[in-house]
Amino acid sequence: MEIPETITGLAPDDSGYNEARLDFNTRFPPAPSRYIDFCRSHHDVSRAIRLSRGHGYPLRGRSGSYEDHSVVDGGVVIDVSPSAPANF
């Protein structure tokens, strides 16, 4: 699958995709996502959501690569781990 130009991420054919899609729970094989979008800002997240909804792809969010349930079969993983930490 070709990733849209606006996406900073990995598709199944890209080098590093298999490592990036690993889930914390290793008892089950990781589901193949359409792509993993590494979002750096809330604008990136909004864009990823609009793009996914526009194509009817399911979404899954994660804030790091080692979280339970952070993969989605045939959908888009929105990974916000590259973003700056939030200050409260």
Protein backbone atom coordinates (compact mmCIF):
# COMPACT_ATOMS: atom_id res chain seq x y z
CA MET A 1 0.00 0.00 0.00
CA GLU A 2 1.20 3.48 -0.79
CA ILE A 3 1.09 5.96 2.09
CA PRO A 4 -0.42 9.36 1.28
CA GLU A 5 2.15 12.18 1.05
CA THR A 6 0.80 13.83 4.18
CA ILE A 7 1.58 10.80 6.35
CA THR A 8 4.81 10.34 8.28
CA GLY A 9 4.71 6.65 8.89
CA LEU A 10 5.18 3.10 7.72
CA ALA A 11 3.20 0.77 5.46
CA PRO A 12 3.49 -3.04 5.42
CA ASP A 13 6.04 -2.99 2.59
CA ASP A 14 8.34 -0.50 4.37
CA SER A 15 11.51 -1.42 6.20
CA GLY A 16 10.91 -1.25 9.96
CA TYR A 17 7.15 -1.85 9.71
CA ASN A 18 7.24 -5.27 11.43
CA GLU A 19 9.14 -3.87 14.41
CA ALA A 20 6.89 -0.81 14.63
CA ARG A 21 3.68 -2.85 14.70
CA LEU A 22 4.69 -5.04 17.64
CA ASP A 23 2.20 -5.04 20.49
CA PHE A 24 2.95 -5.42 24.20
CA ASN A 25 1.01 -8.68 24.38
CA THR A 26 3.20 -11.16 22.50
CA ARG A 27 0.81 -14.09 23.02
CA PHE A 28 -1.03 -13.04 19.87
CA PRO A 29 0.47 -12.18 16.50
CA PRO A 30 0.23 -8.46 15.68
CA ALA A 31 -2.58 -7.55 13.32
CA PRO A 32 -1.51 -6.10 9.97
CA SER A 33 -2.39 -2.41 9.93
CA ARG A 34 -2.76 -0.49 6.66
CA TYR A 35 -0.16 1.90 8.00
CA ILE A 36 1.23 3.38 11.19
CA ASP A 37 1.10 7.18 11.30
CA PHE A 38 3.67 8.80 13.60
CA CYS A 39 1.99 12.05 14.61
CA ARG A 40 3.99 14.94 16.07
CA SER A 41 1.16 17.42 16.73
CA HIS A 42 -2.57 17.66 17.23
CA HIS A 43 -2.77 18.82 13.59
CA ASP A 44 -1.18 15.54 12.49
CA VAL A 45 -3.67 13.57 14.61
CA SER A 46 -6.63 15.50 13.16
CA ARG A 47 -5.36 14.91 9.64
CA ALA A 48 -4.88 11.19 10.30
CA ILE A 49 -8.39 10.87 11.70
CA ARG A 50 -9.93 12.70 8.73
CA LEU A 51 -7.98 10.57 6.26
CA SER A 52 -8.91 7.32 8.01
CA ARG A 53 -12.58 8.22 8.29
CA GLY A 54 -12.64 9.35 4.67
CA HIS A 55 -11.50 5.88 3.58
CA GLY A 56 -13.57 4.01 6.17
CA TYR A 57 -10.51 2.56 7.91
CA PRO A 58 -10.76 1.63 11.58
CA LEU A 59 -8.47 3.55 13.93
CA ARG A 60 -6.34 2.70 16.92
CA GLY A 61 -4.35 5.18 18.96
CA ARG A 62 -1.24 4.64 20.99
CA SER A 63 1.30 6.75 22.81
CA GLY A 64 4.14 4.25 22.60
CA SER A 65 4.93 1.04 20.78
CA TYR A 66 4.47 -1.25 23.77
CA GLU A 67 0.81 -0.93 24.66
CA ASP A 68 -1.87 -3.58 24.77
CA HIS A 69 -4.40 -3.32 21.95
CA SER A 70 -2.35 -0.84 19.95
CA VAL A 71 -2.81 -2.61 16.62
CA VAL A 72 -5.82 -2.85 14.34
CA ASP A 73 -6.41 -5.33 11.53
CA GLY A 74 -6.65 -3.43 8.25
CA GLY A 75 -6.82 -0.05 9.93
CA VAL A 76 -4.62 2.88 10.85
CA VAL A 77 -2.52 3.12 13.99
CA ILE A 78 -2.06 6.72 15.14
CA ASP A 79 1.13 6.74 17.20
CA VAL A 80 1.69 9.95 19.14
CA SER A 81 4.92 8.82 20.81
CA PRO A 82 7.04 11.14 18.57
CA SER A 83 5.13 14.20 19.82
CA ALA A 84 6.41 16.53 22.51
CA PRO A 85 5.36 15.66 26.06
CA ALA A 86 2.34 17.49 27.39
CA ASN A 87 2.88 19.95 30.23
CA PHE A 88 0.06 20.44 32.70
